[in-house]
Protein backbone atom coordinates (compact mmCIF):
# COMPACT_ATOMS: atom_id res chain seq x y z
CA UNK A 1 3.12 -10.69 29.09
CA UNK A 2 4.65 -12.27 30.81
CA UNK A 3 7.50 -12.22 28.04
CA UNK A 4 6.98 -8.86 27.43
CA UNK A 5 7.84 -7.89 31.24
CA UNK A 6 10.18 -10.28 31.12
CA UNK A 7 12.23 -8.05 28.41
CA UNK A 8 10.97 -4.82 29.50
CA UNK A 9 13.06 -5.88 33.10
CA UNK A 10 16.13 -7.85 31.80
CA UNK A 11 16.69 -4.53 28.39
CA UNK A 12 14.75 -1.99 29.73
CA UNK A 13 11.55 -0.34 28.30
CA UNK A 14 13.26 1.82 25.65
CA UNK A 15 14.91 -1.39 24.22
CA UNK A 16 12.09 -3.30 23.96
CA UNK A 17 9.73 -0.72 22.88
CA UNK A 18 12.14 0.51 19.91
CA UNK A 19 11.68 -3.77 18.96
CA UNK A 20 8.15 -3.78 18.29
CA UNK A 21 7.64 -0.85 17.00
CA UNK A 22 10.39 -2.07 14.12
CA UNK A 23 8.59 -5.39 13.92
CA UNK A 24 5.46 -4.36 13.51
CA UNK A 25 6.23 -1.44 11.12
CA UNK A 26 8.66 -3.66 8.94
CA UNK A 27 5.82 -5.65 6.37
CA UNK A 28 4.69 -1.41 6.21
CA UNK A 29 7.67 -0.32 5.04
CA UNK A 30 8.11 -3.56 2.51
CA UNK A 31 4.66 -2.99 1.29
CA UNK A 32 5.99 1.23 0.60
CA UNK A 33 9.56 -0.39 -1.19
CA UNK A 34 7.25 -1.96 -3.69
CA UNK A 35 4.84 1.35 -4.26
CA UNK A 36 8.03 3.01 -5.03
CA UNK A 37 9.41 0.93 -7.35
CA UNK A 38 6.18 0.37 -9.17
CA UNK A 39 5.25 4.09 -8.86
CA UNK A 40 9.37 3.97 -10.76
CA UNK A 41 9.02 2.20 -13.29
CA UNK A 42 5.01 3.84 -14.80
CA UNK A 43 6.54 7.26 -14.80
CA UNK A 44 9.79 6.30 -16.60
CA UNK A 45 7.02 5.14 -19.10
CA UNK A 46 5.18 7.98 -19.20
CA UNK A 47 8.50 9.91 -19.71
CA UNK A 48 9.56 7.75 -22.74
CA UNK A 49 12.41 5.83 -20.50
CA UNK A 50 14.24 3.05 -21.32
CA UNK A 51 12.79 0.33 -18.92
CA UNK A 52 16.29 -0.25 -17.96
CA UNK A 53 17.32 2.46 -17.15
CA UNK A 54 14.37 2.94 -14.87
CA UNK A 55 15.42 -0.35 -13.49
CA UNK A 56 18.97 1.13 -12.48
CA UNK A 57 18.03 3.59 -11.24
CA UNK A 58 15.48 1.68 -8.42
CA UNK A 59 18.53 -0.11 -8.02
CA UNK A 60 21.52 2.24 -7.65
CA UNK A 61 19.64 5.11 -7.25
CA UNK A 62 21.24 8.25 -8.46
CA UNK A 63 24.48 6.82 -8.38
CA UNK A 64 23.11 5.09 -11.85
CA UNK A 65 25.06 6.47 -15.69
CA UNK A 66 21.46 7.41 -15.83
CA UNK A 67 22.35 11.29 -14.18
CA UNK A 68 25.94 11.18 -15.19
């Protein structure tokens, strides 16, 4: 608790709160990213899209050759 007060006094309360929230939310964001990738593969398989094309969608987004 003492470290938190020291950081808040030196860096400002908004910076400390934003840093804390980013640290706490990071694992959740990584889990969401994995879930989205998995769902992309499931949808690709159901739509009979090639797995390589699904990987391109995940890696490059709409910039891939699949959308051109």
